[in-house]
Structures are given as structure tokens and as C-alpha cells.
């Protein structure tokens, strides 16, 4: 029982690290990256749909991204969603079959804003991990009547170690992203 609680919590924590790394990928560095636009929501036939499900991406140049919709009728909706995603700062142009997005050069001020955004995403990921730890501890406390207190104490120490290593992994990914953002 204790092993189940620990493995389930560790599983969820490792997934939280993957989600955090994925979120860091949506923060722009100096290059146009399809991950920037994967999660932009497009109003597709009345329901919000991630752009990654509606179009293919190509990167012909460092700061240019070409978006080719799978369904040509969604072209206008995709363009509208990209223009609304102003946090990306791209110049969006539509030629009738594809959408071309040109990202401007990053200024020092804009880089600092992106670092701040990445730190916010990192803190959100750490909060998720701490919530998972709290739930895991509550689940272990619920088992106190069935197993000994020594077993619970050992499991809590293991849970704390897993939490620390997970938060360290998130911090390491954040530090890597910050370095990437501040590199000129």
C-alpha cells in the first residue's frame, strides 16, 4: 500500500517536470520555434482547439515560422488567433494558403520579461509538486491504522527526498532556460 502511494506520487511528480519543461519550451528564445505556437487556441468550428492539431509548422529561417493549415477553411481563424497571441510578438501575414510569422529581434528588456515569465512558470510547477507531496502525505496518513508509524515515517522521508529531487529538476530546467534566454 505504501509502495503504491509512493510510486503513484513519484509518477505524477515526474510528469510535472515534463509539463514544466514543455511550458519552458513555449517561452521564446532568439529563434522561431514551433513549440511557441503549439498551445495557441484557435476557435475551430466553435470549440477552442490547439494550433498544433490544426496546422503543420516549418522554419525556413531563424526568425520565420511558416504555418500550413490542414483545413484551408480555418486559415482566417488561425490568423486571428495568432494576432490575438500578442505575448509572442510576431508579425503575422496571410497569403491565402499559408501563414508566415516573423518574430522580431529580442531586446534586452524583452529577454528580461521572458525570464520573468519562465520563472513564473517554474514557480507554478513547484507549486504543483508541493501539492502532490501534500496529497501523498495525506494518503500515507490515512494508512496509519493499517501499518506501523515507523513505516509511515520512512515513507514520508522517501516522499520528501522525491519532492526535493523533483523540485531540483525543475530548477535545473529553469536555469537552463534562463541561460538560453539571456544569451545574445
Protein backbone atom coordinates (compact mmCIF):
# COMPACT_ATOMS: atom_id res chain seq x y z
CA UNK A 1 0.00 0.00 0.00
CA UNK A 2 2.74 2.42 0.95
CA UNK A 3 4.68 1.46 -2.17
CA UNK A 4 1.60 2.20 -4.29
CA UNK A 5 1.18 5.67 -2.79
CA UNK A 6 4.88 6.46 -3.27
CA UNK A 7 5.08 5.17 -6.83
CA UNK A 8 1.90 7.00 -7.83
CA UNK A 9 3.14 10.26 -6.32
CA UNK A 10 6.60 9.90 -7.90
CA UNK A 11 4.95 9.18 -11.25
CA UNK A 12 2.88 12.33 -11.04
CA UNK A 13 5.92 14.36 -9.97
CA UNK A 14 7.95 13.18 -12.97
CA UNK A 15 5.05 14.15 -15.21
CA UNK A 16 5.02 17.59 -13.57
CA UNK A 17 8.69 18.00 -14.53
CA UNK A 18 7.88 17.07 -18.14
CA UNK A 19 4.99 19.56 -18.22
CA UNK A 20 7.28 22.26 -16.79
CA UNK A 21 9.91 21.58 -19.47
CA UNK A 22 7.18 21.70 -22.11
CA UNK A 23 5.97 25.01 -20.69
CA UNK A 24 9.51 26.41 -20.77
CA UNK A 25 9.56 25.49 -24.47
CA UNK A 26 6.71 27.90 -25.09
CA UNK A 27 8.82 30.81 -23.85
CA UNK A 28 10.57 32.36 -26.82
CA UNK A 29 14.32 32.49 -27.20
CA UNK A 30 16.03 34.09 -30.21
CA UNK A 31 14.66 31.61 -32.75
CA UNK A 32 11.21 30.88 -34.11
CA UNK A 33 10.22 27.57 -32.57
CA UNK A 34 7.02 25.65 -33.37
CA UNK A 35 6.59 24.96 -29.65
CA UNK A 36 5.81 28.66 -29.22
CA UNK A 37 2.58 28.24 -31.15
CA UNK A 38 1.57 24.65 -30.31
CA UNK A 39 -0.74 25.70 -27.48
CA UNK A 40 -2.29 28.80 -29.08
CA UNK A 41 -6.04 28.15 -29.03
CA UNK A 42 -7.93 28.64 -32.28
CA UNK A 43 -11.73 28.92 -32.42
CA UNK A 44 -12.29 26.00 -34.80
CA UNK A 45 -15.97 25.37 -35.52
CA UNK A 46 -16.96 26.84 -32.17
CA UNK A 47 -14.52 24.97 -29.94
CA UNK A 48 -11.07 26.10 -28.81
CA UNK A 49 -8.51 23.83 -30.47
CA UNK A 50 -4.71 23.93 -30.04
CA UNK A 51 -2.97 25.16 -33.19
CA UNK A 52 -0.71 22.09 -33.19
CA UNK A 53 -3.77 19.99 -34.08
CA UNK A 54 -4.83 22.28 -36.94
CA UNK A 55 -1.62 23.03 -38.80
CA UNK A 56 1.88 21.97 -39.72
CA UNK A 57 4.93 24.09 -38.93
CA UNK A 58 8.09 24.80 -40.92
CA UNK A 59 11.03 27.01 -40.04
CA UNK A 60 12.69 28.28 -43.24
CA UNK A 61 14.76 30.90 -41.41
CA UNK A 62 15.83 31.54 -37.82
CA UNK A 63 13.09 34.06 -37.03
CA UNK A 64 10.44 32.96 -39.54
CA UNK A 65 7.83 30.29 -38.99
CA UNK A 66 5.51 29.08 -41.75
CA UNK A 67 2.18 27.65 -40.60
CA UNK A 68 0.28 25.49 -43.08
CA UNK A 69 -3.31 24.68 -42.03
CA UNK A 70 -4.56 21.15 -42.65
CA UNK A 71 -8.01 22.64 -43.37
CA UNK A 72 -7.77 25.74 -45.59
CA UNK A 73 -11.13 27.00 -44.30
CA UNK A 74 -9.53 27.52 -40.87
CA UNK A 75 -6.92 29.94 -42.26
CA UNK A 76 -8.71 33.11 -41.11
CA UNK A 77 -9.43 31.67 -37.64
CA UNK A 78 -5.78 30.66 -37.23
CA UNK A 79 -4.61 34.10 -38.32
CA UNK A 80 -7.00 35.75 -35.86
CA UNK A 81 -5.74 33.55 -33.00
CA UNK A 82 -2.10 34.30 -33.85
CA UNK A 83 -2.73 38.04 -33.90
CA UNK A 84 -4.51 37.73 -30.54
CA UNK A 85 -1.49 35.88 -29.09
CA UNK A 86 0.33 39.17 -28.71
CA UNK A 87 2.63 37.83 -25.98
CA UNK A 88 4.58 36.13 -28.77
CA UNK A 89 5.19 39.43 -30.55
CA UNK A 90 5.20 38.02 -34.07
CA UNK A 91 4.30 39.83 -37.29
CA UNK A 92 1.59 37.66 -38.87
CA UNK A 93 0.92 37.67 -42.63
CA UNK A 94 -1.52 35.52 -44.61
CA UNK A 95 -1.00 34.81 -48.32
CA UNK A 96 -4.17 32.75 -48.82
CA UNK A 97 -2.64 29.29 -48.36
CA UNK A 98 -0.11 29.67 -45.56
CA UNK A 99 0.54 31.99 -42.64
CA UNK A 100 4.01 33.41 -42.21
CA UNK A 101 5.07 34.68 -38.80
CA UNK A 102 8.20 36.82 -38.47
CA UNK A 103 9.46 37.25 -34.93
CA UNK A 104 11.30 40.48 -34.13
CA UNK A 105 14.82 40.59 -32.68
CA UNK A 106 14.81 40.28 -28.92
CA UNK A 107 15.79 43.37 -26.99
CA UNK A 108 17.41 43.16 -23.56
CA UNK A 109 14.17 44.35 -21.95
CA UNK A 110 12.12 41.71 -23.77
CA UNK A 111 14.60 39.00 -22.74
CA UNK A 112 14.17 40.00 -19.10
CA UNK A 113 10.39 39.82 -19.49
CA UNK A 114 10.74 36.29 -20.88
CA UNK A 115 13.00 35.31 -17.97
CA UNK A 116 10.32 36.60 -15.59
CA UNK A 117 7.68 34.60 -17.46
CA UNK A 118 9.85 31.47 -17.28
CA UNK A 119 10.32 31.98 -13.53
CA UNK A 120 6.54 32.27 -13.09
CA UNK A 121 6.08 29.00 -14.97
CA UNK A 122 8.78 27.40 -12.82
CA UNK A 123 7.09 28.54 -9.63
CA UNK A 124 3.76 27.17 -10.87
CA UNK A 125 5.44 23.80 -11.49
CA UNK A 126 6.96 23.82 -7.97
CA UNK A 127 3.51 24.55 -6.51
CA UNK A 128 2.12 21.54 -8.38
CA UNK A 129 4.90 19.33 -6.96
CA UNK A 130 4.29 20.61 -3.42
CA UNK A 131 0.57 19.90 -3.81
CA UNK A 132 1.38 16.37 -4.98
CA UNK A 133 3.60 15.92 -1.93
CA UNK A 134 0.78 17.12 0.34
CA UNK A 135 -1.66 14.69 -1.24
CA UNK A 136 0.85 11.84 -0.97
CA UNK A 137 1.41 12.67 2.72
CA UNK A 138 -2.35 12.72 3.32
CA UNK A 139 -2.64 9.33 1.64
CA UNK A 140 0.15 7.98 3.85
CA UNK A 141 -1.50 9.41 6.97
CA UNK A 142 -4.69 7.59 6.01
CA UNK A 143 -2.74 4.32 6.17
CA UNK A 144 -1.55 4.83 9.78
CA UNK A 145 -4.16 2.44 11.20
CA UNK A 146 -3.11 -0.36 8.82
CA UNK A 147 0.69 -0.13 9.06
CA UNK A 148 3.17 0.97 11.70
CA UNK A 149 4.25 4.53 12.34
CA UNK A 150 7.87 3.64 11.55
CA UNK A 151 6.84 2.55 8.04
CA UNK A 152 4.92 5.78 7.56
CA UNK A 153 7.89 7.85 8.78
CA UNK A 154 10.25 6.07 6.35
CA UNK A 155 7.78 6.58 3.51
CA UNK A 156 7.46 10.29 4.36
CA UNK A 157 11.26 10.68 4.24
CA UNK A 158 11.28 8.98 0.84
CA UNK A 159 8.44 11.26 -0.29
CA UNK A 160 10.41 14.32 0.88
CA UNK A 161 13.51 13.12 -1.00
CA UNK A 162 11.46 12.61 -4.17
CA UNK A 163 9.94 16.06 -3.77
CA UNK A 164 13.36 17.67 -3.35
CA UNK A 165 14.82 15.89 -6.40
CA UNK A 166 11.78 16.85 -8.49
CA UNK A 167 11.98 20.50 -7.49
CA UNK A 168 15.73 20.41 -8.21
CA UNK A 169 14.99 19.06 -11.69
CA UNK A 170 12.53 21.89 -12.31
CA UNK A 171 15.06 24.45 -11.04
CA UNK A 172 17.74 22.97 -13.30
CA UNK A 173 15.44 23.21 -16.34
CA UNK A 174 14.58 26.79 -15.37
CA UNK A 175 18.24 27.73 -15.01
CA UNK A 176 18.96 26.25 -18.45
CA UNK A 177 16.07 28.23 -19.96
CA UNK A 178 17.23 31.46 -18.30
CA UNK A 179 20.73 30.97 -19.68
CA UNK A 180 19.26 30.33 -23.12
CA UNK A 181 17.10 33.45 -22.90
CA UNK A 182 19.87 35.77 -21.77
CA UNK A 183 22.40 34.56 -24.33
CA UNK A 184 22.74 37.14 -27.08
